[in-house]
Amino acid sequence: MPINPKRTQLNRALSKLGFCSRTVANEWILTGKVRVNGKAAVCKEDWVELGKDRIEVVGRASTAKGMPTSHIYLYLNKPADYVTTRSDELGRKTVYDLLPPDLSSDWIFPVGRLDKDSEGLLIMTDDGEWANHLTDPLFHVEKTYRVKLDGKPTEAQLRTFRTGIELTGGKTRPARVIEEKGSWYRVILEEGRNRQIRRMFHDLGFKVKRLLRIAIGPLNLEDLKPGETRMLDPQQIKELSGK
């Protein structure tokens, strides 16, 4: 049976669309605040299809099916200490605080995640199908990071990193890691599990002291300063689509 990369569980869909964290999504679903195709959702693990099913949260704009035909594509340089959810139950700063007022649309959501302590390139859009192409490992879009460690792995440990490490959820895909100056390393992945790089180095006995995403496919930060945003131009959108 072919894999449908746009099919996901409801609580994860709410998180991917930038509404909230999965924990808050679970609460909203259990308290009847979420509707799918006009009907109240009753189970956080219900399956939905992004771009097809209409997902709504009481008091907030609808998402998924029915998105605007004129899409928004932008990228930003995320500073540390910002989360990527639209609102945060702990009152932490979110990347939505960085958006210009005319771009703080209810439709827009982050393409993939960067945890609170991580920095760097984050794309935001309202185009679910295009976003799925960038995040699903089936499409092999590379994400490049600079990582500072608290020590120096041996060549044998780096080979283990490159060939894959057993984490919760299965073995990681092959990755590239290149030693730079000092304690800095360049890491290139085709997948993006939750805190994946931190967990992989932790498995090898190292702590990540700083993590910056510097590129997604052909797109890089260039001269974008922390906290700044910029619209993607048509050529960049096309290149990221793999066309």
Protein backbone atom coordinates (compact mmCIF):
# COMPACT_ATOMS: atom_id res chain seq x y z
CA MET A 1 0.00 0.00 0.00
CA PRO A 2 1.50 3.42 -0.92
CA ILE A 3 2.34 5.75 1.97
CA ASN A 4 0.29 8.94 2.25
CA PRO A 5 2.69 11.46 3.83
CA LYS A 6 -0.14 13.95 4.45
CA ARG A 7 -2.05 11.53 6.71
CA THR A 8 -1.39 12.07 10.40
CA GLN A 9 -3.07 11.84 13.79
CA LEU A 10 -5.21 14.77 14.86
CA ASN A 11 -3.12 15.94 17.80
CA ARG A 12 0.01 15.93 15.62
CA ALA A 13 -1.87 17.77 12.84
CA LEU A 14 -2.79 20.59 15.25
CA SER A 15 0.86 20.85 16.25
CA LYS A 16 2.14 20.76 12.66
CA LEU A 17 -0.31 23.50 11.68
CA GLY A 18 1.11 25.69 14.45
CA PHE A 19 -2.00 25.87 16.64
CA CYS A 20 -0.39 24.55 19.82
CA SER A 21 1.77 21.82 21.34
CA ARG A 22 0.55 18.22 21.26
CA THR A 23 -0.14 18.39 25.01
CA VAL A 24 -2.49 21.35 24.55
CA ALA A 25 -3.98 19.70 21.43
CA ASN A 26 -4.91 16.67 23.53
CA GLU A 27 -6.67 18.91 26.04
CA TRP A 28 -8.56 20.79 23.33
CA ILE A 29 -9.74 17.57 21.72
CA LEU A 30 -10.88 16.05 25.03
CA THR A 31 -12.80 19.23 25.94
CA GLY A 32 -14.62 19.39 22.59
CA LYS A 33 -12.84 22.44 21.15
CA VAL A 34 -11.74 20.72 17.93
CA ARG A 35 -13.89 19.91 14.90
CA VAL A 36 -12.99 17.87 11.83
CA ASN A 37 -15.15 18.43 8.75
CA GLY A 38 -17.77 20.10 10.93
CA LYS A 39 -18.01 17.33 13.54
CA ALA A 40 -16.61 17.46 17.08
CA ALA A 41 -13.47 15.36 17.44
CA VAL A 42 -13.54 12.83 20.27
CA CYS A 43 -10.17 11.08 20.00
CA LYS A 44 -6.70 12.64 19.89
CA GLU A 45 -5.47 9.72 17.78
CA ASP A 46 -8.05 10.09 14.99
CA TRP A 47 -6.42 10.14 11.56
CA VAL A 48 -6.76 13.20 9.31
CA GLU A 49 -5.33 14.22 5.96
CA LEU A 50 -3.68 17.63 5.74
CA GLY A 51 -4.92 19.64 2.79
CA LYS A 52 -8.12 17.58 2.55
CA ASP A 53 -9.84 17.51 5.95
CA ARG A 54 -11.11 20.79 7.41
CA ILE A 55 -9.72 21.18 10.92
CA GLU A 56 -11.16 23.88 13.17
CA VAL A 57 -10.59 25.02 16.74
CA VAL A 58 -13.41 26.85 18.51
CA GLY A 59 -12.64 30.57 18.51
CA ARG A 60 -9.84 30.28 15.97
CA ALA A 61 -9.64 30.35 12.18
CA SER A 62 -9.98 27.07 10.32
CA THR A 63 -7.04 25.36 8.69
CA ALA A 64 -6.22 22.54 6.26
CA LYS A 65 -8.94 22.31 3.57
CA GLY A 66 -10.14 25.72 2.46
CA MET A 67 -6.79 27.49 2.76
CA PRO A 68 -6.33 30.70 0.79
CA THR A 69 -5.37 30.25 -2.84
CA SER A 70 -2.64 32.90 -2.58
CA HIS A 71 -0.06 31.32 -0.31
CA ILE A 72 2.44 32.89 2.06
CA TYR A 73 6.06 31.70 2.07
CA LEU A 74 8.58 33.26 4.43
CA TYR A 75 11.63 32.34 6.45
CA LEU A 76 13.14 33.68 9.62
CA ASN A 77 16.24 33.39 11.76
CA LYS A 78 14.88 31.94 14.99
CA PRO A 79 16.71 33.05 18.14
CA ALA A 80 17.11 30.73 21.12
CA ASP A 81 14.37 30.76 23.80
CA TYR A 82 11.50 30.95 21.30
CA VAL A 83 9.08 28.04 20.78
CA THR A 84 7.45 27.30 17.44
CA THR A 85 3.84 26.87 18.60
CA ARG A 86 1.29 29.64 18.10
CA SER A 87 0.65 29.93 21.83
CA ASP A 88 2.42 28.39 24.79
CA GLU A 89 0.84 27.13 27.99
CA LEU A 90 3.96 28.23 29.93
CA GLY A 91 3.87 31.77 28.56
CA ARG A 92 7.14 31.45 26.65
CA LYS A 93 7.96 33.61 23.64
CA THR A 94 6.88 32.13 20.29
CA VAL A 95 8.11 32.66 16.73
CA TYR A 96 4.73 34.28 15.99
CA ASP A 97 5.90 37.21 18.13
CA LEU A 98 8.59 37.83 15.48
CA LEU A 99 6.23 38.12 12.51
CA PRO A 100 5.29 41.53 11.10
CA PRO A 101 1.65 42.40 11.90
CA ASP A 102 0.54 41.96 8.29
CA LEU A 103 1.99 38.43 8.23
CA SER A 104 0.63 37.14 11.55
CA SER A 105 -2.08 35.25 9.69
CA ASP A 106 -4.11 32.54 11.42
CA TRP A 107 -3.22 30.29 8.50
CA ILE A 108 0.54 30.36 8.73
CA PHE A 109 2.48 27.54 10.41
CA PRO A 110 6.12 26.45 10.76
CA VAL A 111 7.56 23.91 8.32
CA GLY A 112 9.18 21.50 10.75
CA ARG A 113 10.33 22.43 14.22
CA LEU A 114 13.22 23.88 16.14
CA ASP A 115 13.12 23.30 19.89
CA LYS A 116 13.27 26.22 22.30
CA ASP A 117 17.05 26.09 22.73
CA SER A 118 17.82 25.75 19.00
CA GLU A 119 18.39 28.61 16.57
CA GLY A 120 18.45 29.34 12.89
CA LEU A 121 16.47 28.83 9.72
CA LEU A 122 12.73 28.29 10.04
CA ILE A 123 10.31 28.40 7.11
CA MET A 124 6.67 29.35 7.65
CA THR A 125 3.81 29.01 5.17
CA ASP A 126 0.11 28.32 4.73
CA ASP A 127 0.74 25.79 1.94
CA GLY A 128 0.28 22.36 3.53
CA GLU A 129 1.23 20.28 0.49
CA TRP A 130 4.40 22.27 -0.15
CA ALA A 131 5.34 22.07 3.55
CA ASN A 132 4.86 18.32 3.53
CA HIS A 133 7.35 18.00 0.68
CA LEU A 134 10.00 19.74 2.79
CA THR A 135 9.43 17.76 6.00
CA ASP A 136 8.77 14.21 4.86
CA PRO A 137 11.97 12.11 4.63
CA LEU A 138 10.54 10.39 1.55
CA PHE A 139 11.44 13.51 -0.45
CA HIS A 140 15.06 13.68 0.81
CA VAL A 141 15.22 17.43 1.45
CA GLU A 142 18.45 17.99 3.38
CA LYS A 143 18.60 20.09 6.55
CA THR A 144 22.04 21.43 7.52
CA TYR A 145 23.04 22.31 11.08
CA ARG A 146 26.07 23.66 12.92
CA VAL A 147 26.45 21.97 16.29
CA LYS A 148 28.76 22.79 19.19
CA LEU A 149 29.52 19.90 21.56
CA ASP A 150 30.98 19.68 25.05
CA GLY A 151 33.66 17.30 23.83
CA LYS A 152 35.28 15.68 20.83
CA PRO A 153 33.86 12.40 19.43
CA THR A 154 36.25 9.78 18.14
CA GLU A 155 36.22 8.80 14.49
CA ALA A 156 34.54 5.52 15.48
CA GLN A 157 31.75 7.46 17.24
CA LEU A 158 31.29 9.69 14.20
CA ARG A 159 30.99 6.59 11.99
CA THR A 160 28.23 5.36 14.31
CA PHE A 161 26.50 8.73 13.98
CA ARG A 162 26.76 8.56 10.19
CA THR A 163 25.39 5.03 9.83
CA GLY A 164 22.46 5.48 12.22
CA ILE A 165 21.66 5.28 15.92
CA GLU A 166 18.82 3.37 17.59
CA LEU A 167 16.44 5.86 19.17
CA THR A 168 12.89 5.53 20.39
CA GLY A 169 10.89 5.01 17.20
CA GLY A 170 13.64 3.14 15.35
CA LYS A 171 17.08 3.62 13.89
CA THR A 172 17.94 7.00 12.40
CA ARG A 173 18.64 7.31 8.70
CA PRO A 174 22.22 7.69 7.48
CA ALA A 175 23.51 11.22 8.17
CA ARG A 176 26.55 13.27 7.38
CA VAL A 177 28.72 14.84 10.06
CA ILE A 178 31.78 16.96 9.27
CA GLU A 179 34.27 18.17 11.88
CA GLU A 180 34.91 21.91 11.89
CA LYS A 181 37.09 24.11 14.11
CA GLY A 182 37.05 23.74 17.86
CA SER A 183 34.08 21.75 19.13
CA TRP A 184 31.88 22.61 16.13
CA TYR A 185 30.45 20.04 13.72
CA ARG A 186 28.32 20.33 10.60
CA VAL A 187 25.43 17.82 10.50
CA ILE A 188 23.24 17.09 7.47
CA LEU A 189 20.00 15.13 7.89
CA GLU A 190 17.17 14.07 5.60
CA GLU A 191 14.76 13.55 8.51
CA GLY A 192 13.79 15.63 11.50
CA ARG A 193 12.65 13.72 14.55
CA ASN A 194 12.01 15.51 17.82
CA ARG A 195 15.37 16.79 19.19
CA GLN A 196 17.08 14.24 16.95
CA ILE A 197 20.60 15.67 16.84
CA ARG A 198 20.66 16.25 20.59
CA ARG A 199 19.46 12.69 21.22
CA MET A 200 21.97 11.16 18.79
CA PHE A 201 24.96 12.91 20.36
CA HIS A 202 23.61 12.15 23.84
CA ASP A 203 23.62 8.47 22.89
CA LEU A 204 27.33 8.86 22.10
CA GLY A 205 27.98 10.54 25.45
CA PHE A 206 28.03 14.21 24.40
CA LYS A 207 25.90 17.25 25.20
CA VAL A 208 24.95 19.76 22.51
CA LYS A 209 25.85 23.22 23.78
CA ARG A 210 24.54 25.11 20.75
CA LEU A 211 22.58 24.10 17.66
CA LEU A 212 21.87 26.25 14.61
CA ARG A 213 20.04 25.22 11.45
CA ILE A 214 21.80 27.04 8.64
CA ALA A 215 20.13 25.58 5.53
CA ILE A 216 17.08 23.71 4.25
CA GLY A 217 17.79 22.31 0.81
CA PRO A 218 19.23 25.18 -1.28
CA LEU A 219 17.92 27.88 1.10
CA ASN A 220 20.31 29.35 3.69
CA LEU A 221 20.24 32.16 6.23
CA GLU A 222 22.50 34.44 4.18
CA ASP A 223 22.66 37.81 6.03
CA LEU A 224 19.39 37.37 7.94
CA LYS A 225 19.91 38.49 11.55
CA PRO A 226 18.35 36.69 14.55
CA GLY A 227 14.67 37.60 14.80
CA GLU A 228 14.42 38.91 11.23
CA THR A 229 12.01 37.57 8.61
CA ARG A 230 12.07 37.61 4.82
CA MET A 231 9.64 36.51 2.12
CA LEU A 232 10.75 33.70 -0.19
CA ASP A 233 10.99 34.76 -3.81
CA PRO A 234 9.40 32.64 -6.60
CA GLN A 235 12.74 31.08 -7.56
CA GLN A 236 13.45 30.00 -3.98
CA ILE A 237 9.96 28.47 -3.69
CA LYS A 238 10.51 26.57 -6.92
CA GLU A 239 13.95 25.30 -5.87
CA LEU A 240 12.65 24.10 -2.52
CA SER A 241 9.89 22.25 -4.38
CA GLY A 242 12.56 20.29 -6.23
CA LYS A 243 11.38 21.57 -9.62
